[in-house]
Amino acid sequence: VQLQASGGGLVQPGGSLRLSCAASGSIFSINSMHWYRQAPGKERELVATITTTGSTDYGDSVKGRFTISRDNTKSTLYLQMNSLRPEDTAVYYCKAVWSVWRSSWGQGTLVTVSS
């Protein structure tokens, strides 16, 4: 299964964006899916997680502002980002995890928050 992230762009502070991560195959059997981000000069960090049961978890810096969701019928992962801040500027990556032995990364999509 290949992952294709999209939806990044330039947005003003306080604005919103929705990222999508489309899988080339079914995501029904994927154990968990994640969004990560990497800002210039910084390490990649985990932003949000959603499991096969629909449980979600978020990094402290995005709690209350970002929402992760998945649509198994469309084989797509989403990240709704509201109240964006300049510090949210980063390349965002999606990741699918089937097991400890199998995972897959999508290519990144750039989000720039600037006035």
N, C-alpha and C. Protein backbone atom coordinates (compact mmCIF):
# COMPACT_ATOMS: atom_id res chain seq x y z
N VAL A 1 0.85 -1.19 0.00
CA VAL A 1 0.00 0.00 0.00
C VAL A 1 0.88 1.24 0.00
N GLN A 2 0.65 2.12 -0.94
CA GLN A 2 1.38 3.39 -0.98
C GLN A 2 0.48 4.50 -0.47
N LEU A 3 1.11 5.49 0.17
CA LEU A 3 0.38 6.60 0.76
C LEU A 3 0.72 7.89 0.03
N GLN A 4 -0.28 8.70 -0.25
CA GLN A 4 -0.10 9.97 -0.95
C GLN A 4 -0.73 11.07 -0.13
N ALA A 5 0.10 11.93 0.44
CA ALA A 5 -0.40 13.05 1.24
C ALA A 5 -0.63 14.27 0.36
N SER A 6 -1.63 15.06 0.73
CA SER A 6 -1.94 16.28 -0.01
C SER A 6 -2.67 17.25 0.91
N GLY A 7 -2.87 18.46 0.42
CA GLY A 7 -3.64 19.44 1.16
C GLY A 7 -2.84 20.54 1.82
N GLY A 8 -1.52 20.45 1.75
CA GLY A 8 -0.69 21.50 2.33
C GLY A 8 -0.78 22.78 1.54
N GLY A 9 -0.24 23.84 2.13
CA GLY A 9 -0.24 25.12 1.44
C GLY A 9 0.10 26.23 2.40
N LEU A 10 -0.12 27.44 1.92
CA LEU A 10 0.13 28.64 2.71
C LEU A 10 -1.18 29.12 3.32
N VAL A 11 -1.14 29.36 4.63
CA VAL A 11 -2.33 29.83 5.32
C VAL A 11 -1.93 30.87 6.35
N GLN A 12 -2.81 31.80 6.61
CA GLN A 12 -2.53 32.83 7.60
C GLN A 12 -2.73 32.29 9.01
N PRO A 13 -2.06 32.88 9.98
CA PRO A 13 -2.28 32.47 11.37
C PRO A 13 -3.76 32.55 11.73
N GLY A 14 -4.23 31.55 12.44
CA GLY A 14 -5.64 31.48 12.78
C GLY A 14 -6.49 30.75 11.76
N GLY A 15 -5.91 30.45 10.63
CA GLY A 15 -6.64 29.78 9.56
C GLY A 15 -6.70 28.28 9.73
N SER A 16 -7.29 27.62 8.73
CA SER A 16 -7.49 26.17 8.77
C SER A 16 -7.03 25.52 7.48
N LEU A 17 -6.63 24.27 7.60
CA LEU A 17 -6.31 23.42 6.46
C LEU A 17 -6.75 22.01 6.79
N ARG A 18 -7.05 21.24 5.76
CA ARG A 18 -7.31 19.82 5.95
C ARG A 18 -6.35 19.02 5.08
N LEU A 19 -5.55 18.21 5.71
CA LEU A 19 -4.64 17.33 5.00
C LEU A 19 -5.33 15.99 4.74
N SER A 20 -4.98 15.40 3.62
CA SER A 20 -5.48 14.07 3.28
C SER A 20 -4.30 13.14 3.00
N CYS A 21 -4.52 11.89 3.26
CA CYS A 21 -3.50 10.87 2.97
C CYS A 21 -4.25 9.70 2.35
N ALA A 22 -4.14 9.57 1.04
CA ALA A 22 -4.86 8.53 0.32
C ALA A 22 -3.99 7.30 0.16
N ALA A 23 -4.57 6.16 0.48
CA ALA A 23 -3.85 4.89 0.34
C ALA A 23 -4.22 4.23 -0.98
N SER A 24 -3.25 3.55 -1.56
CA SER A 24 -3.48 2.91 -2.85
C SER A 24 -4.32 1.64 -2.72
N GLY A 25 -4.41 1.14 -1.47
CA GLY A 25 -5.22 -0.04 -1.24
C GLY A 25 -6.08 0.13 -0.01
N SER A 26 -6.69 -0.92 0.42
CA SER A 26 -7.56 -0.86 1.59
C SER A 26 -6.77 -0.55 2.85
N ILE A 27 -7.35 0.29 3.71
CA ILE A 27 -6.73 0.60 5.00
C ILE A 27 -7.42 -0.13 6.12
N PHE A 28 -8.34 -1.01 5.75
CA PHE A 28 -9.14 -1.68 6.77
C PHE A 28 -8.27 -2.48 7.73
N SER A 29 -7.22 -3.10 7.22
CA SER A 29 -6.39 -3.97 8.06
C SER A 29 -5.24 -3.23 8.75
N ILE A 30 -5.14 -1.94 8.50
CA ILE A 30 -4.07 -1.17 9.13
C ILE A 30 -4.37 -0.99 10.61
N ASN A 31 -3.40 -1.25 11.45
CA ASN A 31 -3.60 -1.19 12.89
C ASN A 31 -3.75 0.24 13.38
N SER A 32 -2.87 1.11 12.93
CA SER A 32 -2.95 2.51 13.34
C SER A 32 -2.39 3.39 12.23
N MET A 33 -2.85 4.62 12.21
CA MET A 33 -2.36 5.59 11.25
C MET A 33 -1.99 6.86 11.99
N HIS A 34 -1.00 7.55 11.46
CA HIS A 34 -0.41 8.67 12.20
C HIS A 34 -0.11 9.82 11.26
N TRP A 35 -0.08 10.99 11.82
CA TRP A 35 0.48 12.17 11.18
C TRP A 35 1.70 12.61 11.99
N TYR A 36 2.77 12.85 11.28
CA TYR A 36 3.99 13.41 11.86
C TYR A 36 4.27 14.74 11.15
N ARG A 37 5.14 15.51 11.75
CA ARG A 37 5.60 16.72 11.08
C ARG A 37 7.06 16.96 11.42
N GLN A 38 7.71 17.66 10.50
CA GLN A 38 9.10 18.00 10.70
C GLN A 38 9.34 19.44 10.25
N ALA A 39 9.67 20.26 11.22
CA ALA A 39 9.98 21.67 10.94
C ALA A 39 11.46 21.79 10.59
N PRO A 40 11.81 22.85 9.88
CA PRO A 40 13.22 23.04 9.50
C PRO A 40 14.14 23.03 10.71
N GLY A 41 15.16 22.22 10.65
CA GLY A 41 16.14 22.15 11.73
C GLY A 41 15.69 21.39 12.95
N LYS A 42 14.53 20.76 12.88
CA LYS A 42 14.01 20.02 14.04
C LYS A 42 13.77 18.56 13.68
N GLU A 43 13.65 17.76 14.72
CA GLU A 43 13.37 16.35 14.51
C GLU A 43 11.89 16.14 14.16
N ARG A 44 11.63 15.02 13.50
CA ARG A 44 10.25 14.68 13.18
C ARG A 44 9.50 14.37 14.48
N GLU A 45 8.29 14.90 14.60
CA GLU A 45 7.51 14.68 15.80
C GLU A 45 6.13 14.12 15.46
N LEU A 46 5.62 13.32 16.38
CA LEU A 46 4.30 12.73 16.21
C LEU A 46 3.23 13.78 16.53
N VAL A 47 2.30 13.96 15.60
CA VAL A 47 1.26 14.96 15.76
C VAL A 47 -0.04 14.32 16.23
N ALA A 48 -0.44 13.23 15.58
CA ALA A 48 -1.73 12.62 15.91
C ALA A 48 -1.73 11.16 15.49
N THR A 49 -2.55 10.39 16.21
CA THR A 49 -2.68 8.95 15.98
C THR A 49 -4.14 8.56 16.00
N ILE A 50 -4.50 7.62 15.13
CA ILE A 50 -5.83 7.02 15.17
C ILE A 50 -5.68 5.52 14.98
N THR A 51 -6.36 4.75 15.82
CA THR A 51 -6.27 3.29 15.74
C THR A 51 -7.43 2.72 14.94
N THR A 52 -7.38 1.42 14.76
CA THR A 52 -8.42 0.75 13.99
C THR A 52 -9.77 0.82 14.69
N THR A 53 -9.75 1.02 16.01
CA THR A 53 -11.01 1.13 16.76
C THR A 53 -11.53 2.57 16.79
N GLY A 54 -10.73 3.48 16.23
CA GLY A 54 -11.14 4.88 16.22
C GLY A 54 -10.61 5.70 17.38
N SER A 55 -9.84 5.10 18.23
CA SER A 55 -9.23 5.86 19.32
C SER A 55 -8.21 6.84 18.77
N THR A 56 -8.16 8.01 19.36
CA THR A 56 -7.25 9.05 18.87
C THR A 56 -6.36 9.57 20.00
N ASP A 57 -5.24 10.11 19.59
CA ASP A 57 -4.32 10.72 20.53
C ASP A 57 -3.58 11.84 19.81
N TYR A 58 -3.20 12.87 20.56
CA TYR A 58 -2.59 14.04 19.95
C TYR A 58 -1.37 14.50 20.73
N GLY A 59 -0.47 15.14 20.03
CA GLY A 59 0.64 15.80 20.69
C GLY A 59 0.13 17.00 21.47
N ASP A 60 0.80 17.33 22.54
CA ASP A 60 0.33 18.41 23.41
C ASP A 60 0.19 19.73 22.67
N SER A 61 1.05 19.98 21.70
CA SER A 61 1.04 21.27 21.02
C SER A 61 -0.15 21.44 20.08
N VAL A 62 -0.85 20.36 19.75
CA VAL A 62 -1.96 20.47 18.80
C VAL A 62 -3.31 20.08 19.41
N LYS A 63 -3.31 19.64 20.64
CA LYS A 63 -4.56 19.23 21.29
C LYS A 63 -5.56 20.37 21.28
N GLY A 64 -6.80 20.04 20.90
CA GLY A 64 -7.85 21.04 20.87
C GLY A 64 -7.91 21.83 19.58
N ARG A 65 -6.89 21.67 18.73
CA ARG A 65 -6.85 22.41 17.47
C ARG A 65 -6.90 21.49 16.25
N PHE A 66 -6.30 20.33 16.37
CA PHE A 66 -6.23 19.39 15.26
C PHE A 66 -7.14 18.19 15.53
N THR A 67 -7.68 17.64 14.46
CA THR A 67 -8.51 16.44 14.56
C THR A 67 -8.10 15.43 13.49
N ILE A 68 -7.78 14.24 13.93
CA ILE A 68 -7.43 13.16 13.01
C ILE A 68 -8.65 12.27 12.79
N SER A 69 -8.82 11.81 11.56
CA SER A 69 -9.92 10.91 11.26
C SER A 69 -9.52 10.01 10.09
N ARG A 70 -10.27 8.93 9.91
CA ARG A 70 -9.99 8.02 8.80
C ARG A 70 -11.31 7.55 8.20
N ASP A 71 -11.32 7.41 6.91
CA ASP A 71 -12.49 6.91 6.20
C ASP A 71 -12.07 5.61 5.51
N ASN A 72 -12.44 4.50 6.10
CA ASN A 72 -12.01 3.21 5.54
C ASN A 72 -12.62 2.97 4.16
N THR A 73 -13.80 3.51 3.91
CA THR A 73 -14.45 3.27 2.62
C THR A 73 -13.72 4.00 1.49
N LYS A 74 -13.05 5.10 1.85
CA LYS A 74 -12.28 5.86 0.87
C LYS A 74 -10.78 5.61 0.99
N SER A 75 -10.39 4.76 1.93
CA SER A 75 -8.97 4.46 2.16
C SER A 75 -8.17 5.75 2.35
N THR A 76 -8.71 6.63 3.16
CA THR A 76 -8.08 7.94 3.32
C THR A 76 -8.01 8.35 4.79
N LEU A 77 -6.88 8.92 5.14
CA LEU A 77 -6.64 9.50 6.46
C LEU A 77 -6.70 11.01 6.33
N TYR A 78 -7.24 11.68 7.34
CA TYR A 78 -7.36 13.13 7.32
C TYR A 78 -6.74 13.75 8.57
N LEU A 79 -6.37 15.02 8.41
CA LEU A 79 -5.97 15.82 9.56
C LEU A 79 -6.57 17.22 9.37
N GLN A 80 -7.59 17.52 10.17
CA GLN A 80 -8.19 18.84 10.16
C GLN A 80 -7.41 19.72 11.12
N MET A 81 -6.86 20.80 10.61
CA MET A 81 -6.03 21.69 11.41
C MET A 81 -6.69 23.05 11.49
N ASN A 82 -7.05 23.45 12.69
CA ASN A 82 -7.69 24.74 12.94
C ASN A 82 -6.78 25.61 13.81
N SER A 83 -7.09 26.89 13.84
CA SER A 83 -6.34 27.84 14.67
C SER A 83 -4.83 27.68 14.46
N LEU A 84 -4.44 27.64 13.22
CA LEU A 84 -3.04 27.40 12.90
C LEU A 84 -2.15 28.53 13.38
N ARG A 85 -0.95 28.14 13.78
CA ARG A 85 0.04 29.07 14.30
C ARG A 85 1.31 28.99 13.46
N PRO A 86 2.11 30.03 13.47
CA PRO A 86 3.37 29.97 12.72
C PRO A 86 4.23 28.76 13.10
N GLU A 87 4.18 28.36 14.35
CA GLU A 87 4.98 27.22 14.80
C GLU A 87 4.45 25.87 14.28
N ASP A 88 3.30 25.89 13.62
CA ASP A 88 2.80 24.67 12.97
C ASP A 88 3.43 24.47 11.59
N THR A 89 4.18 25.44 11.14
CA THR A 89 4.86 25.33 9.85
C THR A 89 5.81 24.15 9.84
N ALA A 90 5.61 23.26 8.88
CA ALA A 90 6.41 22.04 8.81
C ALA A 90 6.00 21.23 7.58
N VAL A 91 6.78 20.23 7.30
CA VAL A 91 6.36 19.22 6.33
C VAL A 91 5.62 18.14 7.11
N TYR A 92 4.43 17.83 6.67
CA TYR A 92 3.59 16.86 7.36
C TYR A 92 3.61 15.52 6.60
N TYR A 93 3.78 14.44 7.35
CA TYR A 93 3.87 13.10 6.78
C TYR A 93 2.80 12.19 7.39
N CYS A 94 2.25 11.31 6.59
CA CYS A 94 1.37 10.29 7.12
C CYS A 94 2.12 8.96 7.18
N LYS A 95 1.66 8.13 8.10
CA LYS A 95 2.29 6.82 8.29
C LYS A 95 1.21 5.80 8.63
N ALA A 96 1.35 4.63 8.04
CA ALA A 96 0.45 3.52 8.35
C ALA A 96 1.25 2.40 9.00
N VAL A 97 0.69 1.83 10.05
CA VAL A 97 1.36 0.76 10.77
C VAL A 97 0.44 -0.46 10.80
N TRP A 98 0.94 -1.56 10.24
CA TRP A 98 0.19 -2.81 10.30
C TRP A 98 0.63 -3.62 11.52
N SER A 99 1.92 -3.60 11.78
CA SER A 99 2.47 -4.36 12.89
C SER A 99 3.84 -3.79 13.19
N VAL A 100 4.52 -4.38 14.17
CA VAL A 100 5.87 -3.91 14.49
C VAL A 100 6.83 -4.19 13.35
N TRP A 101 6.42 -5.09 12.46
CA TRP A 101 7.31 -5.45 11.35
C TRP A 101 6.98 -4.75 10.05
N ARG A 102 5.85 -4.07 10.00
CA ARG A 102 5.44 -3.49 8.73
C ARG A 102 4.83 -2.12 8.94
N SER A 103 5.38 -1.14 8.26
CA SER A 103 4.83 0.21 8.26
C SER A 103 5.18 0.87 6.94
N SER A 104 4.50 1.96 6.66
CA SER A 104 4.73 2.66 5.41
C SER A 104 4.54 4.15 5.61
N TRP A 105 5.42 4.93 5.00
CA TRP A 105 5.34 6.39 5.07
C TRP A 105 4.84 6.95 3.74
N GLY A 106 4.08 8.04 3.84
CA GLY A 106 3.76 8.80 2.65
C GLY A 106 4.79 9.88 2.43
N GLN A 107 4.75 10.49 1.27
CA GLN A 107 5.65 11.63 1.04
C GLN A 107 5.07 12.81 1.80
N GLY A 108 5.86 13.82 2.06
CA GLY A 108 5.38 14.94 2.86
C GLY A 108 4.59 15.96 2.08
N THR A 109 3.82 16.73 2.81
CA THR A 109 3.13 17.88 2.24
C THR A 109 3.44 19.09 3.12
N LEU A 110 3.83 20.19 2.49
CA LEU A 110 4.31 21.35 3.22
C LEU A 110 3.16 22.24 3.67
N VAL A 111 3.17 22.58 4.93
CA VAL A 111 2.22 23.53 5.50
C VAL A 111 3.02 24.74 5.98
N THR A 112 2.65 25.90 5.49
CA THR A 112 3.31 27.15 5.88
C THR A 112 2.26 28.07 6.47
N VAL A 113 2.48 28.48 7.71
CA VAL A 113 1.57 29.39 8.39
C VAL A 113 2.28 30.73 8.54
N SER A 114 1.81 31.71 7.80
CA SER A 114 2.49 32.99 7.78
C SER A 114 1.54 34.07 7.28
N SER A 115 1.75 35.27 7.80
CA SER A 115 0.96 36.40 7.32
C SER A 115 1.69 37.13 6.21
